[in-house]
Structure formats: structure tokens, C-alpha cells
Amino acid sequence: MTRPAAHDVPRESIDLQIADVLRAAAYPANKDALVDAAREAGASNEVLAMLDGLPEQDYADISAVTKLIGSNFGPGLGA
């Protein structure tokens, strides 16, 4: 899967930024790998903070990440 163009990501909604970053990440991925992927994609500081707030663990797939993001940051982001 191709990564989103860095110039497009910051203009997307938070949900779309997270979705693009999570799709571009290679799984399993730990929190640091997700934050690095977001930073490389040019994600907003809000998205970087959300990902940086995740527990230190390995995430098997996108749904493992979105479940935690949804529970930590409200409705709309969880799977």
C-alpha cells in the first residue's frame, strides 16, 4: 500500500489522518513506529499526541490501535 503524500495529510480531518497513518504502518508495530510513521506523513500535532499517548506495546493490526484510540479519545475513532 502506498503512503499518503506528506503534503496531503495535514489538511485531512483527524480521523482521516489517523486512518492514513495506520494504513501506511507495517504491522506488528509498536507505539514508536506508529508515531514515526505519522511524523513522516506530516500528521498534525494532535494526531502525533494521540499516538504518543498509546500504551507501550506491539499492535498486531490497525484494529488493535483504533480500539485504544477510540477508548482514549472518544467516539468516532474506535473500530
PDB file of N, CA and C in Angstrom:
ATOM      1  N   MET A   1       0.840  -1.171   0.000  1.00  0.00           N
ATOM      2  CA  MET A   1       0.000   0.000   0.000  1.00  0.00           C
ATOM      3  C   MET A   1       0.891   1.241   0.000  1.00  0.00           C
ATOM      4  N   THR A   2       0.489   2.251  -0.708  1.00  0.00           N
ATOM      5  CA  THR A   2       1.312   3.447  -0.789  1.00  0.00           C
ATOM      6  C   THR A   2       1.011   4.378   0.377  1.00  0.00           C
ATOM      7  N   ARG A   3       2.023   5.098   0.763  1.00  0.00           N
ATOM      8  CA  ARG A   3       1.854   6.078   1.840  1.00  0.00           C
ATOM      9  C   ARG A   3       1.189   7.324   1.272  1.00  0.00           C
ATOM     10  N   PRO A   4       0.405   8.021   2.100  1.00  0.00           N
ATOM     11  CA  PRO A   4      -0.178   9.279   1.640  1.00  0.00           C
ATOM     12  C   PRO A   4       0.929  10.304   1.434  1.00  0.00           C
ATOM     13  N   ALA A   5       0.696  11.193   0.508  1.00  0.00           N
ATOM     14  CA  ALA A   5       1.669  12.255   0.274  1.00  0.00           C
ATOM     15  C   ALA A   5       1.724  13.143   1.505  1.00  0.00           C
ATOM     16  N   ALA A   6       2.920  13.481   1.946  1.00  0.00           N
ATOM     17  CA  ALA A   6       3.085  14.259   3.178  1.00  0.00           C
ATOM     18  C   ALA A   6       2.350  15.593   3.099  1.00  0.00           C
ATOM     19  N   HIS A   7       2.252  16.179   1.912  1.00  0.00           N
ATOM     20  CA  HIS A   7       1.596  17.475   1.804  1.00  0.00           C
ATOM     21  C   HIS A   7       0.082  17.372   1.922  1.00  0.00           C
ATOM     22  N   ASP A   8      -0.500  16.172   1.781  1.00  0.00           N
ATOM     23  CA  ASP A   8      -1.943  16.000   1.874  1.00  0.00           C
ATOM     24  C   ASP A   8      -2.415  15.722   3.292  1.00  0.00           C
ATOM     25  N   VAL A   9      -1.623  15.031   4.075  1.00  0.00           N
ATOM     26  CA  VAL A   9      -2.074  14.562   5.387  1.00  0.00           C
ATOM     27  C   VAL A   9      -2.482  15.708   6.319  1.00  0.00           C
ATOM     28  N   PRO A  10      -1.708  16.773   6.482  1.00  0.00           N
ATOM     29  CA  PRO A  10      -2.100  17.798   7.455  1.00  0.00           C
ATOM     30  C   PRO A  10      -3.434  18.476   7.136  1.00  0.00           C
ATOM     31  N   ARG A  11      -3.884  18.414   5.890  1.00  0.00           N
ATOM     32  CA  ARG A  11      -5.138  19.071   5.524  1.00  0.00           C
ATOM     33  C   ARG A  11      -6.348  18.176   5.738  1.00  0.00           C
ATOM     34  N   GLU A  12      -6.138  16.924   6.093  1.00  0.00           N
ATOM     35  CA  GLU A  12      -7.232  15.993   6.305  1.00  0.00           C
ATOM     36  C   GLU A  12      -7.800  16.137   7.717  1.00  0.00           C
ATOM     37  N   SER A  13      -9.021  15.629   7.906  1.00  0.00           N
ATOM     38  CA  SER A  13      -9.594  15.610   9.250  1.00  0.00           C
ATOM     39  C   SER A  13      -8.742  14.680  10.120  1.00  0.00           C
ATOM     40  N   ILE A  14      -8.925  14.788  11.420  1.00  0.00           N
ATOM     41  CA  ILE A  14      -8.167  13.948  12.356  1.00  0.00           C
ATOM     42  C   ILE A  14      -8.410  12.468  12.052  1.00  0.00           C
ATOM     43  N   ASP A  15      -9.673  12.088  11.858  1.00  0.00           N
ATOM     44  CA  ASP A  15      -9.990  10.685  11.573  1.00  0.00           C
ATOM     45  C   ASP A  15      -9.269  10.202  10.322  1.00  0.00           C
ATOM     46  N   LEU A  16      -9.257  11.011   9.272  1.00  0.00           N
ATOM     47  CA  LEU A  16      -8.596  10.606   8.031  1.00  0.00           C
ATOM     48  C   LEU A  16      -7.082  10.561   8.193  1.00  0.00           C
ATOM     49  N   GLN A  17      -6.528  11.507   8.934  1.00  0.00           N
ATOM     50  CA  GLN A  17      -5.081  11.479   9.174  1.00  0.00           C
ATOM     51  C   GLN A  17      -4.689  10.186   9.871  1.00  0.00           C
ATOM     52  N   ILE A  18      -5.443   9.835  10.917  1.00  0.00           N
ATOM     53  CA  ILE A  18      -5.131   8.614  11.662  1.00  0.00           C
ATOM     54  C   ILE A  18      -5.278   7.401  10.756  1.00  0.00           C
ATOM     55  N   ALA A  19      -6.351   7.351   9.981  1.00  0.00           N
ATOM     56  CA  ALA A  19      -6.578   6.215   9.080  1.00  0.00           C
ATOM     57  C   ALA A  19      -5.437   6.084   8.082  1.00  0.00           C
ATOM     58  N   ASP A  20      -5.005   7.193   7.502  1.00  0.00           N
ATOM     59  CA  ASP A  20      -3.898   7.155   6.525  1.00  0.00           C
ATOM     60  C   ASP A  20      -2.607   6.673   7.173  1.00  0.00           C
ATOM     61  N   VAL A  21      -2.323   7.186   8.352  1.00  0.00           N
ATOM     62  CA  VAL A  21      -1.094   6.794   9.049  1.00  0.00           C
ATOM     63  C   VAL A  21      -1.134   5.312   9.410  1.00  0.00           C
ATOM     64  N   LEU A  22      -2.253   4.850   9.941  1.00  0.00           N
ATOM     65  CA  LEU A  22      -2.356   3.456  10.355  1.00  0.00           C
ATOM     66  C   LEU A  22      -2.296   2.514   9.163  1.00  0.00           C
ATOM     67  N   ARG A  23      -2.855   2.907   8.036  1.00  0.00           N
ATOM     68  CA  ARG A  23      -2.773   2.070   6.829  1.00  0.00           C
ATOM     69  C   ARG A  23      -1.341   1.994   6.304  1.00  0.00           C
ATOM     70  N   ALA A  24      -0.571   3.052   6.492  1.00  0.00           N
ATOM     71  CA  ALA A  24       0.799   3.096   5.961  1.00  0.00           C
ATOM     72  C   ALA A  24       1.791   2.349   6.846  1.00  0.00           C
ATOM     73  N   ALA A  25       1.426   2.106   8.101  1.00  0.00           N
ATOM     74  CA  ALA A  25       2.349   1.461   9.039  1.00  0.00           C
ATOM     75  C   ALA A  25       2.467  -0.037   8.732  1.00  0.00           C
ATOM     76  N   ALA A  26       3.640  -0.577   9.015  1.00  0.00           N
ATOM     77  CA  ALA A  26       3.880  -2.017   8.864  1.00  0.00           C
ATOM     78  C   ALA A  26       3.599  -2.683  10.207  1.00  0.00           C
ATOM     79  N   TYR A  27       2.784  -3.713  10.201  1.00  0.00           N
ATOM     80  CA  TYR A  27       2.399  -4.408  11.432  1.00  0.00           C
ATOM     81  C   TYR A  27       3.078  -5.762  11.519  1.00  0.00           C
ATOM     82  N   PRO A  28       3.349  -6.251  12.728  1.00  0.00           N
ATOM     83  CA  PRO A  28       3.090  -5.587  14.002  1.00  0.00           C
ATOM     84  C   PRO A  28       3.943  -4.340  14.156  1.00  0.00           C
ATOM     85  N   ALA A  29       3.409  -3.372  14.882  1.00  0.00           N
ATOM     86  CA  ALA A  29       4.103  -2.101  15.088  1.00  0.00           C
ATOM     87  C   ALA A  29       3.970  -1.700  16.546  1.00  0.00           C
ATOM     88  N   ASN A  30       5.031  -1.108  17.081  1.00  0.00           N
ATOM     89  CA  ASN A  30       4.930  -0.578  18.437  1.00  0.00           C
ATOM     90  C   ASN A  30       4.559   0.899  18.362  1.00  0.00           C
ATOM     91  N   LYS A  31       4.329   1.488  19.520  1.00  0.00           N
ATOM     92  CA  LYS A  31       3.904   2.887  19.573  1.00  0.00           C
ATOM     93  C   LYS A  31       4.892   3.800  18.859  1.00  0.00           C
ATOM     94  N   ASP A  32       6.181   3.597  19.076  1.00  0.00           N
ATOM     95  CA  ASP A  32       7.190   4.460  18.456  1.00  0.00           C
ATOM     96  C   ASP A  32       7.146   4.381  16.936  1.00  0.00           C
ATOM     97  N   ALA A  33       6.920   3.184  16.388  1.00  0.00           N
ATOM     98  CA  ALA A  33       6.834   3.032  14.933  1.00  0.00           C
ATOM     99  C   ALA A  33       5.616   3.775  14.384  1.00  0.00           C
ATOM    100  N   LEU A  34       4.520   3.755  15.128  1.00  0.00           N
ATOM    101  CA  LEU A  34       3.314   4.470  14.692  1.00  0.00           C
ATOM    102  C   LEU A  34       3.537   5.974  14.720  1.00  0.00           C
ATOM    103  N   VAL A  35       4.176   6.460  15.776  1.00  0.00           N
ATOM    104  CA  VAL A  35       4.470   7.891  15.874  1.00  0.00           C
ATOM    105  C   VAL A  35       5.431   8.302  14.752  1.00  0.00           C
ATOM    106  N   ASP A  36       6.444   7.486  14.489  1.00  0.00           N
ATOM    107  CA  ASP A  36       7.387   7.794  13.406  1.00  0.00           C
ATOM    108  C   ASP A  36       6.678   7.840  12.059  1.00  0.00           C
ATOM    109  N   ALA A  37       5.771   6.889  11.805  1.00  0.00           N
ATOM    110  CA  ALA A  37       5.026   6.869  10.536  1.00  0.00           C
ATOM    111  C   ALA A  37       4.171   8.127  10.409  1.00  0.00           C
ATOM    112  N   ALA A  38       3.564   8.545  11.507  1.00  0.00           N
ATOM    113  CA  ALA A  38       2.742   9.754  11.491  1.00  0.00           C
ATOM    114  C   ALA A  38       3.593  10.985  11.217  1.00  0.00           C
ATOM    115  N   ARG A  39       4.743  11.042  11.867  1.00  0.00           N
ATOM    116  CA  ARG A  39       5.644  12.184  11.675  1.00  0.00           C
ATOM    117  C   ARG A  39       6.123  12.251  10.221  1.00  0.00           C
ATOM    118  N   GLU A  40       6.490  11.094   9.655  1.00  0.00           N
ATOM    119  CA  GLU A  40       6.939  11.046   8.256  1.00  0.00           C
ATOM    120  C   GLU A  40       5.839  11.477   7.302  1.00  0.00           C
ATOM    121  N   ALA A  41       4.596  11.176   7.645  1.00  0.00           N
ATOM    122  CA  ALA A  41       3.465  11.537   6.791  1.00  0.00           C
ATOM    123  C   ALA A  41       3.065  12.994   6.957  1.00  0.00           C
ATOM    124  N   GLY A  42       3.649  13.673   7.944  1.00  0.00           N
ATOM    125  CA  GLY A  42       3.321  15.076   8.166  1.00  0.00           C
ATOM    126  C   GLY A  42       2.028  15.269   8.932  1.00  0.00           C
ATOM    127  N   ALA A  43       1.651  14.282   9.749  1.00  0.00           N
ATOM    128  CA  ALA A  43       0.418  14.370  10.526  1.00  0.00           C
ATOM    129  C   ALA A  43       0.472  15.542  11.500  1.00  0.00           C
ATOM    130  N   SER A  44      -0.701  16.009  11.884  1.00  0.00           N
ATOM    131  CA  SER A  44      -0.795  17.148  12.800  1.00  0.00           C
ATOM    132  C   SER A  44      -0.266  16.785  14.185  1.00  0.00           C
ATOM    133  N   ASN A  45       0.025  17.811  14.963  1.00  0.00           N
ATOM    134  CA  ASN A  45       0.484  17.600  16.338  1.00  0.00           C
ATOM    135  C   ASN A  45      -0.566  16.870  17.168  1.00  0.00           C
ATOM    136  N   GLU A  46      -1.835  17.102  16.871  1.00  0.00           N
ATOM    137  CA  GLU A  46      -2.909  16.428  17.603  1.00  0.00           C
ATOM    138  C   GLU A  46      -2.863  14.916  17.370  1.00  0.00           C
ATOM    139  N   VAL A  47      -2.639  14.520  16.119  1.00  0.00           N
ATOM    140  CA  VAL A  47      -2.548  13.094  15.796  1.00  0.00           C
ATOM    141  C   VAL A  47      -1.300  12.498  16.433  1.00  0.00           C
ATOM    142  N   LEU A  48      -0.187  13.210  16.352  1.00  0.00           N
ATOM    143  CA  LEU A  48       1.043  12.728  16.982  1.00  0.00           C
ATOM    144  C   LEU A  48       0.843  12.539  18.481  1.00  0.00           C
ATOM    145  N   ALA A  49       0.147  13.464  19.126  1.00  0.00           N
ATOM    146  CA  ALA A  49      -0.098  13.360  20.563  1.00  0.00           C
ATOM    147  C   ALA A  49      -0.997  12.163  20.881  1.00  0.00           C
ATOM    148  N   MET A  50      -2.007  11.927  20.054  1.00  0.00           N
ATOM    149  CA  MET A  50      -2.888  10.768  20.266  1.00  0.00           C
ATOM    150  C   MET A  50      -2.094   9.470  20.198  1.00  0.00           C
ATOM    151  N   LEU A  51      -1.272   9.344  19.173  1.00  0.00           N
ATOM    152  CA  LEU A  51      -0.495   8.119  19.009  1.00  0.00           C
ATOM    153  C   LEU A  51       0.556   7.992  20.107  1.00  0.00           C
ATOM    154  N   ASP A  52       1.154   9.108  20.482  1.00  0.00           N
ATOM    155  CA  ASP A  52       2.170   9.078  21.536  1.00  0.00           C
ATOM    156  C   ASP A  52       1.563   8.724  22.892  1.00  0.00           C
ATOM    157  N   GLY A  53       0.267   8.931  23.046  1.00  0.00           N
ATOM    158  CA  GLY A  53      -0.413   8.599  24.284  1.00  0.00           C
ATOM    159  C   GLY A  53      -0.808   7.137  24.398  1.00  0.00           C
ATOM    160  N   LEU A  54      -0.571   6.363  23.346  1.00  0.00           N
ATOM    161  CA  LEU A  54      -0.902   4.933  23.382  1.00  0.00           C
ATOM    162  C   LEU A  54       0.030   4.196  24.340  1.00  0.00           C
ATOM    163  N   PRO A  55      -0.441   3.092  24.898  1.00  0.00           N
ATOM    164  CA  PRO A  55       0.435   2.281  25.754  1.00  0.00           C
ATOM    165  C   PRO A  55       1.611   1.710  24.957  1.00  0.00           C
ATOM    166  N   GLU A  56       2.738   1.525  25.657  1.00  0.00           N
ATOM    167  CA  GLU A  56       3.924   0.915  25.046  1.00  0.00           C
ATOM    168  C   GLU A  56       3.664  -0.574  24.866  1.00  0.00           C
ATOM    169  N   GLN A  57       3.376  -0.981  23.668  1.00  0.00           N
ATOM    170  CA  GLN A  57       3.145  -2.389  23.360  1.00  0.00           C
ATOM    171  C   GLN A  57       3.215  -2.571  21.855  1.00  0.00           C
ATOM    172  N   ASP A  58       3.211  -3.827  21.422  1.00  0.00           N
ATOM    173  CA  ASP A  58       3.143  -4.121  19.995  1.00  0.00           C
ATOM    174  C   ASP A  58       1.685  -4.243  19.598  1.00  0.00           C
ATOM    175  N   TYR A  59       1.342  -3.653  18.478  1.00  0.00           N
ATOM    176  CA  TYR A  59      -0.014  -3.689  17.947  1.00  0.00           C
ATOM    177  C   TYR A  59      -0.018  -4.597  16.730  1.00  0.00           C
ATOM    178  N   ALA A  60      -0.891  -5.597  16.759  1.00  0.00           N
ATOM    179  CA  ALA A  60      -0.919  -6.605  15.699  1.00  0.00           C
ATOM    180  C   ALA A  60      -1.447  -6.053  14.387  1.00  0.00           C
ATOM    181  N   ASP A  61      -2.387  -5.125  14.466  1.00  0.00           N
ATOM    182  CA  ASP A  61      -3.021  -4.608  13.253  1.00  0.00           C
ATOM    183  C   ASP A  61      -3.710  -3.275  13.545  1.00  0.00           C
ATOM    184  N   ILE A  62      -4.329  -2.718  12.522  1.00  0.00           N
ATOM    185  CA  ILE A  62      -4.992  -1.419  12.646  1.00  0.00           C
ATOM    186  C   ILE A  62      -6.082  -1.445  13.711  1.00  0.00           C
ATOM    187  N   SER A  63      -6.870  -2.518  13.739  1.00  0.00           N
ATOM    188  CA  SER A  63      -7.991  -2.549  14.684  1.00  0.00           C
ATOM    189  C   SER A  63      -7.508  -2.514  16.133  1.00  0.00           C
ATOM    190  N   ALA A  64      -6.345  -3.095  16.419  1.00  0.00           N
ATOM    191  CA  ALA A  64      -5.803  -3.057  17.778  1.00  0.00           C
ATOM    192  C   ALA A  64      -5.494  -1.621  18.193  1.00  0.00           C
ATOM    193  N   VAL A  65      -5.068  -0.806  17.246  1.00  0.00           N
ATOM    194  CA  VAL A  65      -4.757   0.595  17.541  1.00  0.00           C
ATOM    195  C   VAL A  65      -6.040   1.412  17.648  1.00  0.00           C
ATOM    196  N   THR A  66      -6.953   1.239  16.709  1.00  0.00           N
ATOM    197  CA  THR A  66      -8.160   2.067  16.705  1.00  0.00           C
ATOM    198  C   THR A  66      -9.050   1.789  17.914  1.00  0.00           C
ATOM    199  N   LYS A  67      -9.031   0.575  18.423  1.00  0.00           N
ATOM    200  CA  LYS A  67      -9.812   0.289  19.639  1.00  0.00           C
ATOM    201  C   LYS A  67      -9.305   1.128  20.802  1.00  0.00           C
ATOM    202  N   LEU A  68      -8.000   1.236  20.941  1.00  0.00           N
ATOM    203  CA  LEU A  68      -7.440   2.037  22.037  1.00  0.00           C
ATOM    204  C   LEU A  68      -7.623   3.526  21.797  1.00  0.00           C
ATOM    205  N   ILE A  69      -7.450   3.968  20.575  1.00  0.00           N
ATOM    206  CA  ILE A  69      -7.647   5.386  20.284  1.00  0.00           C
ATOM    207  C   ILE A  69      -9.090   5.765  20.559  1.00  0.00           C
ATOM    208  N   GLY A  70     -10.015   4.924  20.157  1.00  0.00           N
ATOM    209  CA  GLY A  70     -11.424   5.197  20.388  1.00  0.00           C
ATOM    210  C   GLY A  70     -11.754   5.265  21.863  1.00  0.00           C
ATOM    211  N   SER A  71     -11.178   4.365  22.655  1.00  0.00           N
ATOM    212  CA  SER A  71     -11.484   4.377  24.074  1.00  0.00           C
ATOM    213  C   SER A  71     -10.797   5.519  24.801  1.00  0.00           C
ATOM    214  N   ASN A  72      -9.660   5.973  24.291  1.00  0.00           N
ATOM    215  CA  ASN A  72      -8.927   7.059  24.949  1.00  0.00           C
ATOM    216  C   ASN A  72      -9.391   8.440  24.519  1.00  0.00           C
ATOM    217  N   PHE A  73      -9.889   8.565  23.305  1.00  0.00           N
ATOM    218  CA  PHE A  73     -10.142   9.885  22.754  1.00  0.00           C
ATOM    219  C   PHE A  73     -11.584  10.112  22.300  1.00  0.00           C
ATOM    220  N   GLY A  74     -12.501   9.246  22.704  1.00  0.00           N
ATOM    221  CA  GLY A  74     -13.897   9.475  22.419  1.00  0.00           C
ATOM    222  C   GLY A  74     -14.404   8.718  21.216  1.00  0.00           C
ATOM    223  N   PRO A  75     -15.690   8.884  20.922  1.00  0.00           N
ATOM    224  CA  PRO A  75     -16.325   8.141  19.828  1.00  0.00           C
ATOM    225  C   PRO A  75     -15.839   8.599  18.470  1.00  0.00           C
ATOM    226  N   GLY A  76     -16.033   7.747  17.486  1.00  0.00           N
ATOM    227  CA  GLY A  76     -15.711   8.127  16.117  1.00  0.00           C
ATOM    228  C   GLY A  76     -14.414   7.561  15.609  1.00  0.00           C
ATOM    229  N   LEU A  77     -13.497   7.197  16.510  1.00  0.00           N
ATOM    230  CA  LEU A  77     -12.208   6.672  16.063  1.00  0.00           C
ATOM    231  C   LEU A  77     -12.059   5.196  16.342  1.00  0.00           C
ATOM    232  N   GLY A  78     -12.856   4.651  17.229  1.00  0.00           N
ATOM    233  CA  GLY A  78     -12.752   3.241  17.561  1.00  0.00           C
ATOM    234  C   GLY A  78     -13.310   2.367  16.479  1.00  0.00           C
ATOM    235  N   ALA A  79     -12.871   1.106  16.454  1.00  0.00           N
ATOM    236  CA  ALA A  79     -13.364   0.174  15.448  1.00  0.00           C
ATOM    237  C   ALA A  79     -14.615  -0.521  15.950  1.00  0.00           C
TER     238      ALA A  79
END
